[in-house]
């Protein structure tokens, strides 16, 4: 048995396929990230053509994730709908529980579309590791009766990466992603121009080879987070100078490097991860 076949024969992946088959037909909330990509690929294997991918485009989603979702659905030959939705009024000032309000609004619309398309269930990529983090959006999923097959199959990030690698999904080693609102302090008025500034700054750093990166925005100050192993490289003149130039062009007056390095949820309380 090949390594690929062995991975896909594991009880965890088989549980996932069984859970999906039990739903008969599904719409997958597909963001283009690791978790939803693996879920969509598994759904295609389990249900064939009885799968619909739904991707939401909002002002606070990074454009490269939308492109990844489109590439994946084309590769898997899955029907794909892209829904453009406005910023929900409940999160216009980036409240601490914005994830709840965001998912409540967006998944309600996704569920409506899924039902209209004849899908028996709407599924999302929540997994076992999400239970250990601060995830207010999980409450919204429960309220809306959204299925989470990865979680139901007791799969965590390590297994998800392994199965995505076996299926040759390009995102298998992709760092964790989160919407652009996580780059702003809570209570900040959300302005599309500000989000585009942050996105452009992060694109610059990724183009220079930094994979795990966040540019946290404090008005006109940019606080750059990269893996601690990459801090020395970021400060090399050949790298630092183009970063300074690019982020200045993006509209930042002050550019700093966070010595704690990249970490999820750095705008949250110390015991909360995002």
C-alpha atoms as a PDB file:
ATOM      1  CA  UNK A   1       0.000   0.000   0.000  1.00  0.00           C
ATOM      2  CA  UNK A   2       1.360   3.410  -0.937  1.00  0.00           C
ATOM      3  CA  UNK A   3       1.791   6.163   1.638  1.00  0.00           C
ATOM      4  CA  UNK A   4      -1.120   8.040   0.045  1.00  0.00           C
ATOM      5  CA  UNK A   5      -3.416   5.026   0.163  1.00  0.00           C
ATOM      6  CA  UNK A   6      -2.368   4.317   3.739  1.00  0.00           C
ATOM      7  CA  UNK A   7      -3.225   7.845   4.838  1.00  0.00           C
ATOM      8  CA  UNK A   8      -6.637   7.787   3.186  1.00  0.00           C
ATOM      9  CA  UNK A   9      -7.345   4.347   4.669  1.00  0.00           C
ATOM     10  CA  UNK A  10      -6.870   5.662   8.213  1.00  0.00           C
ATOM     11  CA  UNK A  11      -9.920   5.433  10.491  1.00  0.00           C
ATOM     12  CA  UNK A  12     -10.113   9.229  10.764  1.00  0.00           C
ATOM     13  CA  UNK A  13     -10.473   9.808   7.037  1.00  0.00           C
ATOM     14  CA  UNK A  14     -12.908   6.922   6.737  1.00  0.00           C
ATOM     15  CA  UNK A  15     -15.027   8.389   9.553  1.00  0.00           C
ATOM     16  CA  UNK A  16     -15.097  11.666   7.628  1.00  0.00           C
ATOM     17  CA  UNK A  17     -16.281   9.957   4.444  1.00  0.00           C
ATOM     18  CA  UNK A  18     -18.951   8.040   6.358  1.00  0.00           C
ATOM     19  CA  UNK A  19     -20.228  11.206   8.020  1.00  0.00           C
ATOM     20  CA  UNK A  20     -20.480  12.953   4.662  1.00  0.00           C
ATOM     21  CA  UNK A  21     -22.215  10.004   2.976  1.00  0.00           C
ATOM     22  CA  UNK A  22     -24.837  10.054   5.719  1.00  0.00           C
ATOM     23  CA  UNK A  23     -25.781  13.603   4.683  1.00  0.00           C
ATOM     24  CA  UNK A  24     -26.529  12.524   1.073  1.00  0.00           C
ATOM     25  CA  UNK A  25     -25.868  15.960  -0.460  1.00  0.00           C
ATOM     26  CA  UNK A  26     -23.980  18.942   0.934  1.00  0.00           C
ATOM     27  CA  UNK A  27     -23.059  22.543   0.358  1.00  0.00           C
ATOM     28  CA  UNK A  28     -19.545  23.201   1.650  1.00  0.00           C
ATOM     29  CA  UNK A  29     -18.643  26.626   3.014  1.00  0.00           C
ATOM     30  CA  UNK A  30     -15.350  26.926   1.131  1.00  0.00           C
ATOM     31  CA  UNK A  31     -12.996  29.729   2.130  1.00  0.00           C
ATOM     32  CA  UNK A  32      -9.984  28.421   0.218  1.00  0.00           C
ATOM     33  CA  UNK A  33      -8.127  27.599   3.437  1.00  0.00           C
ATOM     34  CA  UNK A  34      -6.799  24.240   4.599  1.00  0.00           C
ATOM     35  CA  UNK A  35      -9.783  22.959   6.573  1.00  0.00           C
ATOM     36  CA  UNK A  36     -12.530  23.743   4.076  1.00  0.00           C
ATOM     37  CA  UNK A  37     -10.339  22.534   1.188  1.00  0.00           C
ATOM     38  CA  UNK A  38      -9.861  19.114   2.767  1.00  0.00           C
ATOM     39  CA  UNK A  39     -13.567  18.974   3.609  1.00  0.00           C
ATOM     40  CA  UNK A  40     -14.526  19.798   0.023  1.00  0.00           C
ATOM     41  CA  UNK A  41     -12.151  17.189  -1.419  1.00  0.00           C
ATOM     42  CA  UNK A  42     -13.512  14.552   0.964  1.00  0.00           C
ATOM     43  CA  UNK A  43     -17.090  15.503   0.115  1.00  0.00           C
ATOM     44  CA  UNK A  44     -16.312  15.080  -3.586  1.00  0.00           C
ATOM     45  CA  UNK A  45     -14.964  11.590  -2.888  1.00  0.00           C
ATOM     46  CA  UNK A  46     -17.896  10.660  -0.677  1.00  0.00           C
ATOM     47  CA  UNK A  47     -20.789  12.166  -2.631  1.00  0.00           C
ATOM     48  CA  UNK A  48     -19.618  12.647  -6.201  1.00  0.00           C
ATOM     49  CA  UNK A  49     -21.701  15.319  -7.917  1.00  0.00           C
ATOM     50  CA  UNK A  50     -23.964  15.867  -4.907  1.00  0.00           C
ATOM     51  CA  UNK A  51     -21.645  18.626  -3.685  1.00  0.00           C
ATOM     52  CA  UNK A  52     -21.865  22.401  -4.005  1.00  0.00           C
ATOM     53  CA  UNK A  53     -19.093  24.782  -2.905  1.00  0.00           C
ATOM     54  CA  UNK A  54     -20.184  28.174  -1.554  1.00  0.00           C
ATOM     55  CA  UNK A  55     -17.651  30.962  -1.115  1.00  0.00           C
ATOM     56  CA  UNK A  56     -18.483  34.280   0.496  1.00  0.00           C
ATOM     57  CA  UNK A  57     -16.740  37.450  -0.648  1.00  0.00           C
ATOM     58  CA  UNK A  58     -16.813  40.283   1.882  1.00  0.00           C
ATOM     59  CA  UNK A  59     -14.768  43.487   2.257  1.00  0.00           C
ATOM     60  CA  UNK A  60     -12.711  41.806   4.995  1.00  0.00           C
ATOM     61  CA  UNK A  61     -11.647  38.668   3.134  1.00  0.00           C
ATOM     62  CA  UNK A  62      -8.229  38.497   1.453  1.00  0.00           C
ATOM     63  CA  UNK A  63      -8.427  38.215  -2.322  1.00  0.00           C
ATOM     64  CA  UNK A  64      -5.822  35.423  -2.516  1.00  0.00           C
ATOM     65  CA  UNK A  65      -8.120  33.153  -0.478  1.00  0.00           C
ATOM     66  CA  UNK A  66     -10.972  33.711  -2.940  1.00  0.00           C
ATOM     67  CA  UNK A  67      -8.618  32.851  -5.804  1.00  0.00           C
ATOM     68  CA  UNK A  68      -7.548  29.676  -3.987  1.00  0.00           C
ATOM     69  CA  UNK A  69     -11.187  28.612  -3.567  1.00  0.00           C
ATOM     70  CA  UNK A  70     -11.861  29.120  -7.272  1.00  0.00           C
ATOM     71  CA  UNK A  71      -8.757  27.143  -8.245  1.00  0.00           C
ATOM     72  CA  UNK A  72      -9.659  24.272  -5.917  1.00  0.00           C
ATOM     73  CA  UNK A  73     -13.264  23.932  -7.067  1.00  0.00           C
ATOM     74  CA  UNK A  74     -12.161  23.944 -10.701  1.00  0.00           C
ATOM     75  CA  UNK A  75      -9.577  21.242  -9.986  1.00  0.00           C
ATOM     76  CA  UNK A  76     -12.106  19.070  -8.128  1.00  0.00           C
ATOM     77  CA  UNK A  77     -14.798  19.778 -10.741  1.00  0.00           C
ATOM     78  CA  UNK A  78     -17.262  20.865  -8.071  1.00  0.00           C
ATOM     79  CA  UNK A  79     -20.097  23.306  -8.692  1.00  0.00           C
ATOM     80  CA  UNK A  80     -19.149  26.628  -7.172  1.00  0.00           C
ATOM     81  CA  UNK A  81     -21.094  29.741  -6.281  1.00  0.00           C
ATOM     82  CA  UNK A  82     -19.406  32.933  -5.103  1.00  0.00           C
ATOM     83  CA  UNK A  83     -21.643  35.189  -3.013  1.00  0.00           C
ATOM     84  CA  UNK A  84     -20.743  38.832  -2.511  1.00  0.00           C
ATOM     85  CA  UNK A  85     -22.080  40.063   0.810  1.00  0.00           C
ATOM     86  CA  UNK A  86     -21.688  43.434   2.554  1.00  0.00           C
ATOM     87  CA  UNK A  87     -20.133  44.047   5.942  1.00  0.00           C
ATOM     88  CA  UNK A  88     -22.738  42.979   8.527  1.00  0.00           C
ATOM     89  CA  UNK A  89     -23.992  45.997  10.469  1.00  0.00           C
ATOM     90  CA  UNK A  90     -23.343  44.188  13.735  1.00  0.00           C
ATOM     91  CA  UNK A  91     -19.560  44.242  13.233  1.00  0.00           C
ATOM     92  CA  UNK A  92     -18.950  47.707  11.783  1.00  0.00           C
ATOM     93  CA  UNK A  93     -16.796  48.595  14.823  1.00  0.00           C
ATOM     94  CA  UNK A  94     -14.995  45.248  15.148  1.00  0.00           C
ATOM     95  CA  UNK A  95     -16.453  44.060  18.478  1.00  0.00           C
ATOM     96  CA  UNK A  96     -14.655  41.348  20.490  1.00  0.00           C
ATOM     97  CA  UNK A  97     -17.404  38.852  19.567  1.00  0.00           C
ATOM     98  CA  UNK A  98     -17.414  39.835  15.887  1.00  0.00           C
ATOM     99  CA  UNK A  99     -16.876  36.179  14.879  1.00  0.00           C
ATOM    100  CA  UNK A 100     -20.274  35.296  16.319  1.00  0.00           C
ATOM    101  CA  UNK A 101     -22.093  38.126  14.548  1.00  0.00           C
ATOM    102  CA  UNK A 102     -20.205  37.537  11.297  1.00  0.00           C
ATOM    103  CA  UNK A 103     -20.920  33.819  11.138  1.00  0.00           C
ATOM    104  CA  UNK A 104     -24.518  34.350  12.229  1.00  0.00           C
ATOM    105  CA  UNK A 105     -25.097  36.672   9.263  1.00  0.00           C
ATOM    106  CA  UNK A 106     -23.012  34.918   6.628  1.00  0.00           C
ATOM    107  CA  UNK A 107     -23.995  31.333   7.421  1.00  0.00           C
ATOM    108  CA  UNK A 108     -27.673  32.251   7.549  1.00  0.00           C
ATOM    109  CA  UNK A 109     -27.339  33.389   3.942  1.00  0.00           C
ATOM    110  CA  UNK A 110     -25.256  30.336   2.975  1.00  0.00           C
ATOM    111  CA  UNK A 111     -27.884  28.068   4.509  1.00  0.00           C
ATOM    112  CA  UNK A 112     -30.605  29.813   2.519  1.00  0.00           C
ATOM    113  CA  UNK A 113     -28.662  29.326  -0.726  1.00  0.00           C
ATOM    114  CA  UNK A 114     -27.848  25.700   0.112  1.00  0.00           C
ATOM    115  CA  UNK A 115     -31.526  24.920   0.682  1.00  0.00           C
ATOM    116  CA  UNK A 116     -32.519  26.702  -2.523  1.00  0.00           C
ATOM    117  CA  UNK A 117     -29.991  24.564  -4.416  1.00  0.00           C
ATOM    118  CA  UNK A 118     -31.475  21.364  -2.993  1.00  0.00           C
ATOM    119  CA  UNK A 119     -28.611  20.483  -0.654  1.00  0.00           C
ATOM    120  CA  UNK A 120     -29.582  18.439   2.385  1.00  0.00           C
ATOM    121  CA  UNK A 121     -27.012  20.094   4.634  1.00  0.00           C
ATOM    122  CA  UNK A 122     -24.563  22.986   4.889  1.00  0.00           C
ATOM    123  CA  UNK A 123     -21.168  21.942   6.272  1.00  0.00           C
ATOM    124  CA  UNK A 124     -18.165  23.904   7.495  1.00  0.00           C
ATOM    125  CA  UNK A 125     -14.525  23.185   8.293  1.00  0.00           C
ATOM    126  CA  UNK A 126     -14.553  23.487  12.087  1.00  0.00           C
ATOM    127  CA  UNK A 127     -12.346  20.808  13.647  1.00  0.00           C
ATOM    128  CA  UNK A 128     -11.221  19.398  16.976  1.00  0.00           C
ATOM    129  CA  UNK A 129      -8.484  21.986  17.509  1.00  0.00           C
ATOM    130  CA  UNK A 130     -11.044  24.794  17.338  1.00  0.00           C
ATOM    131  CA  UNK A 131     -12.472  23.598  20.653  1.00  0.00           C
ATOM    132  CA  UNK A 132      -9.267  24.681  22.412  1.00  0.00           C
ATOM    133  CA  UNK A 133      -9.422  28.242  21.019  1.00  0.00           C
ATOM    134  CA  UNK A 134     -11.637  31.252  21.568  1.00  0.00           C
ATOM    135  CA  UNK A 135     -14.190  30.675  18.820  1.00  0.00           C
ATOM    136  CA  UNK A 136     -17.372  32.715  19.389  1.00  0.00           C
ATOM    137  CA  UNK A 137     -18.425  31.809  15.852  1.00  0.00           C
ATOM    138  CA  UNK A 138     -18.971  28.204  16.942  1.00  0.00           C
ATOM    139  CA  UNK A 139     -22.074  29.324  18.837  1.00  0.00           C
ATOM    140  CA  UNK A 140     -23.553  30.773  15.665  1.00  0.00           C
ATOM    141  CA  UNK A 141     -22.955  27.487  13.828  1.00  0.00           C
ATOM    142  CA  UNK A 142     -24.779  25.577  16.558  1.00  0.00           C
ATOM    143  CA  UNK A 143     -27.693  28.005  16.490  1.00  0.00           C
ATOM    144  CA  UNK A 144     -28.035  27.599  12.725  1.00  0.00           C
ATOM    145  CA  UNK A 145     -27.658  23.786  12.771  1.00  0.00           C
ATOM    146  CA  UNK A 146     -24.566  23.827  10.570  1.00  0.00           C
ATOM    147  CA  UNK A 147     -22.781  20.477  10.342  1.00  0.00           C
ATOM    148  CA  UNK A 148     -19.039  20.222  11.037  1.00  0.00           C
ATOM    149  CA  UNK A 149     -17.943  16.807   9.679  1.00  0.00           C
ATOM    150  CA  UNK A 150     -14.243  17.283  10.526  1.00  0.00           C
ATOM    151  CA  UNK A 151     -15.153  17.892  14.147  1.00  0.00           C
ATOM    152  CA  UNK A 152     -17.678  15.051  14.149  1.00  0.00           C
ATOM    153  CA  UNK A 153     -14.963  12.737  12.790  1.00  0.00           C
ATOM    154  CA  UNK A 154     -12.667  13.906  15.641  1.00  0.00           C
ATOM    155  CA  UNK A 155     -10.050  15.318  13.253  1.00  0.00           C
ATOM    156  CA  UNK A 156      -7.518  17.935  14.311  1.00  0.00           C
ATOM    157  CA  UNK A 157      -5.117  20.066  12.310  1.00  0.00           C
ATOM    158  CA  UNK A 158      -2.357  17.441  12.159  1.00  0.00           C
ATOM    159  CA  UNK A 159      -4.640  14.824  10.587  1.00  0.00           C
ATOM    160  CA  UNK A 160      -6.189  17.407   8.261  1.00  0.00           C
ATOM    161  CA  UNK A 161      -2.748  18.393   6.968  1.00  0.00           C
ATOM    162  CA  UNK A 162      -1.782  14.758   6.482  1.00  0.00           C
ATOM    163  CA  UNK A 163      -4.915  13.939   4.494  1.00  0.00           C
ATOM    164  CA  UNK A 164      -4.641  17.147   2.458  1.00  0.00           C
ATOM    165  CA  UNK A 165      -1.042  16.217   1.631  1.00  0.00           C
ATOM    166  CA  UNK A 166      -2.106  12.729   0.580  1.00  0.00           C
ATOM    167  CA  UNK A 167      -4.748  14.265  -1.711  1.00  0.00           C
ATOM    168  CA  UNK A 168      -2.114  16.651  -3.124  1.00  0.00           C
ATOM    169  CA  UNK A 169      -4.058  19.742  -2.142  1.00  0.00           C
ATOM    170  CA  UNK A 170      -1.767  22.762  -2.599  1.00  0.00           C
ATOM    171  CA  UNK A 171      -2.841  24.245   0.741  1.00  0.00           C
ATOM    172  CA  UNK A 172      -1.744  21.229   2.796  1.00  0.00           C
ATOM    173  CA  UNK A 173       1.103  23.150   4.482  1.00  0.00           C
ATOM    174  CA  UNK A 174      -0.558  26.554   4.417  1.00  0.00           C
ATOM    175  CA  UNK A 175      -0.262  28.568   7.663  1.00  0.00           C
ATOM    176  CA  UNK A 176      -3.411  29.316   9.627  1.00  0.00           C
ATOM    177  CA  UNK A 177      -5.494  32.075   8.105  1.00  0.00           C
ATOM    178  CA  UNK A 178      -8.064  34.479   9.488  1.00  0.00           C
ATOM    179  CA  UNK A 179     -10.086  37.353   8.100  1.00  0.00           C
ATOM    180  CA  UNK A 180      -8.545  40.809   7.818  1.00  0.00           C
ATOM    181  CA  UNK A 181     -10.552  42.110  10.780  1.00  0.00           C
ATOM    182  CA  UNK A 182      -8.135  40.237  13.062  1.00  0.00           C
ATOM    183  CA  UNK A 183      -5.491  42.789  12.071  1.00  0.00           C
ATOM    184  CA  UNK A 184      -7.414  45.652  13.692  1.00  0.00           C
ATOM    185  CA  UNK A 185      -7.924  46.463  17.377  1.00  0.00           C
ATOM    186  CA  UNK A 186     -11.382  45.807  18.757  1.00  0.00           C
ATOM    187  CA  UNK A 187     -13.564  48.900  18.548  1.00  0.00           C
ATOM    188  CA  UNK A 188     -11.970  50.119  15.309  1.00  0.00           C
ATOM    189  CA  UNK A 189     -14.382  51.492  12.717  1.00  0.00           C
ATOM    190  CA  UNK A 190     -14.096  49.197   9.700  1.00  0.00           C
ATOM    191  CA  UNK A 191     -13.063  51.024   6.544  1.00  0.00           C
ATOM    192  CA  UNK A 192     -12.530  49.080   3.287  1.00  0.00           C
ATOM    193  CA  UNK A 193      -9.510  51.264   2.431  1.00  0.00           C
ATOM    194  CA  UNK A 194      -7.882  50.285   5.732  1.00  0.00           C
ATOM    195  CA  UNK A 195      -8.424  46.584   5.035  1.00  0.00           C
ATOM    196  CA  UNK A 196      -6.952  46.888   1.540  1.00  0.00           C
ATOM    197  CA  UNK A 197      -3.908  48.627   3.058  1.00  0.00           C
ATOM    198  CA  UNK A 198      -3.338  45.705   5.397  1.00  0.00           C
ATOM    199  CA  UNK A 199      -3.877  43.159   2.627  1.00  0.00           C
ATOM    200  CA  UNK A 200      -1.381  44.889   0.329  1.00  0.00           C
ATOM    201  CA  UNK A 201       1.193  45.037   3.125  1.00  0.00           C
ATOM    202  CA  UNK A 202       0.859  41.310   3.820  1.00  0.00           C
ATOM    203  CA  UNK A 203       1.056  40.485   0.121  1.00  0.00           C
ATOM    204  CA  UNK A 204       4.391  42.315   0.008  1.00  0.00           C
ATOM    205  CA  UNK A 205       5.769  40.206   2.852  1.00  0.00           C
ATOM    206  CA  UNK A 206       4.502  36.948   1.363  1.00  0.00           C
ATOM    207  CA  UNK A 207       6.109  37.862  -1.964  1.00  0.00           C
ATOM    208  CA  UNK A 208       9.409  38.164  -0.081  1.00  0.00           C
ATOM    209  CA  UNK A 209       9.052  34.608   1.202  1.00  0.00           C
ATOM    210  CA  UNK A 210       7.458  35.113   4.626  1.00  0.00           C
ATOM    211  CA  UNK A 211       4.764  32.439   4.928  1.00  0.00           C
ATOM    212  CA  UNK A 212       3.263  33.041   8.379  1.00  0.00           C
ATOM    213  CA  UNK A 213       2.705  36.777   8.509  1.00  0.00           C
ATOM    214  CA  UNK A 214       0.360  39.338  10.022  1.00  0.00           C
ATOM    215  CA  UNK A 215       0.437  43.109   9.685  1.00  0.00           C
ATOM    216  CA  UNK A 216      -1.453  44.451  12.682  1.00  0.00           C
ATOM    217  CA  UNK A 217      -2.755  47.963  12.137  1.00  0.00           C
ATOM    218  CA  UNK A 218      -2.694  50.650  14.841  1.00  0.00           C
ATOM    219  CA  UNK A 219      -3.959  53.713  12.953  1.00  0.00           C
ATOM    220  CA  UNK A 220      -0.952  54.710  10.818  1.00  0.00           C
ATOM    221  CA  UNK A 221       1.431  52.282  12.567  1.00  0.00           C
ATOM    222  CA  UNK A 222       2.060  48.808  11.161  1.00  0.00           C
ATOM    223  CA  UNK A 223       3.145  46.065  13.585  1.00  0.00           C
ATOM    224  CA  UNK A 224       4.657  43.213  11.577  1.00  0.00           C
ATOM    225  CA  UNK A 225       4.483  39.667  12.918  1.00  0.00           C
ATOM    226  CA  UNK A 226       6.487  36.875  11.273  1.00  0.00           C
ATOM    227  CA  UNK A 227       7.778  33.571  12.641  1.00  0.00           C
ATOM    228  CA  UNK A 228      10.490  34.244  15.205  1.00  0.00           C
ATOM    229  CA  UNK A 229      12.886  32.202  13.083  1.00  0.00           C
ATOM    230  CA  UNK A 230      12.370  34.781  10.307  1.00  0.00           C
ATOM    231  CA  UNK A 231      12.917  37.904  12.419  1.00  0.00           C
ATOM    232  CA  UNK A 232      16.626  38.199  11.617  1.00  0.00           C
ATOM    233  CA  UNK A 233      15.962  37.898   7.888  1.00  0.00           C
ATOM    234  CA  UNK A 234      13.218  40.542   8.050  1.00  0.00           C
ATOM    235  CA  UNK A 235      15.710  42.998   9.560  1.00  0.00           C
ATOM    236  CA  UNK A 236      18.365  42.442   6.893  1.00  0.00           C
ATOM    237  CA  UNK A 237      18.761  45.680   4.887  1.00  0.00           C
ATOM    238  CA  UNK A 238      18.059  43.907   1.567  1.00  0.00           C
ATOM    239  CA  UNK A 239      14.662  42.840   2.940  1.00  0.00           C
ATOM    240  CA  UNK A 240      13.853  45.649   5.372  1.00  0.00           C
ATOM    241  CA  UNK A 241      14.290  48.457   2.841  1.00  0.00           C
ATOM    242  CA  UNK A 242      11.734  47.180   0.287  1.00  0.00           C
ATOM    243  CA  UNK A 243       9.349  46.344   3.134  1.00  0.00           C
ATOM    244  CA  UNK A 244       9.627  49.884   4.482  1.00  0.00           C
ATOM    245  CA  UNK A 245       9.095  51.337   1.014  1.00  0.00           C
ATOM    246  CA  UNK A 246       6.104  49.123   0.254  1.00  0.00           C
ATOM    247  CA  UNK A 247       4.354  49.679   3.580  1.00  0.00           C
ATOM    248  CA  UNK A 248       4.961  53.414   3.336  1.00  0.00           C
ATOM    249  CA  UNK A 249       3.311  53.324  -0.077  1.00  0.00           C
ATOM    250  CA  UNK A 250       0.408  51.492   1.552  1.00  0.00           C
ATOM    251  CA  UNK A 251      -0.127  54.493   3.824  1.00  0.00           C
ATOM    252  CA  UNK A 252       1.668  53.544   7.032  1.00  0.00           C
ATOM    253  CA  UNK A 253       3.765  56.298   8.636  1.00  0.00           C
ATOM    254  CA  UNK A 254       5.389  54.089  11.274  1.00  0.00           C
ATOM    255  CA  UNK A 255       6.584  50.526  10.676  1.00  0.00           C
ATOM    256  CA  UNK A 256       7.540  48.240  13.550  1.00  0.00           C
ATOM    257  CA  UNK A 257       8.457  44.575  14.044  1.00  0.00           C
ATOM    258  CA  UNK A 258       6.871  42.593  16.877  1.00  0.00           C
ATOM    259  CA  UNK A 259       9.696  40.778  18.681  1.00  0.00           C
ATOM    260  CA  UNK A 260       7.249  38.178  19.981  1.00  0.00           C
ATOM    261  CA  UNK A 261       6.799  37.013  16.406  1.00  0.00           C
ATOM    262  CA  UNK A 262       3.718  35.687  14.664  1.00  0.00           C
ATOM    263  CA  UNK A 263       0.958  34.429  16.935  1.00  0.00           C
ATOM    264  CA  UNK A 264      -2.773  34.034  16.562  1.00  0.00           C
ATOM    265  CA  UNK A 265      -5.057  36.479  18.329  1.00  0.00           C
ATOM    266  CA  UNK A 266      -2.491  39.043  19.469  1.00  0.00           C
ATOM    267  CA  UNK A 267      -5.279  41.637  19.763  1.00  0.00           C
ATOM    268  CA  UNK A 268      -7.182  39.408  22.173  1.00  0.00           C
ATOM    269  CA  UNK A 269      -6.739  38.812  25.881  1.00  0.00           C
ATOM    270  CA  UNK A 270      -3.632  36.724  26.736  1.00  0.00           C
ATOM    271  CA  UNK A 271      -5.687  33.581  27.308  1.00  0.00           C
ATOM    272  CA  UNK A 272      -7.634  33.909  24.052  1.00  0.00           C
ATOM    273  CA  UNK A 273      -6.459  32.633  20.662  1.00  0.00           C
ATOM    274  CA  UNK A 274      -7.871  33.599  17.286  1.00  0.00           C
END
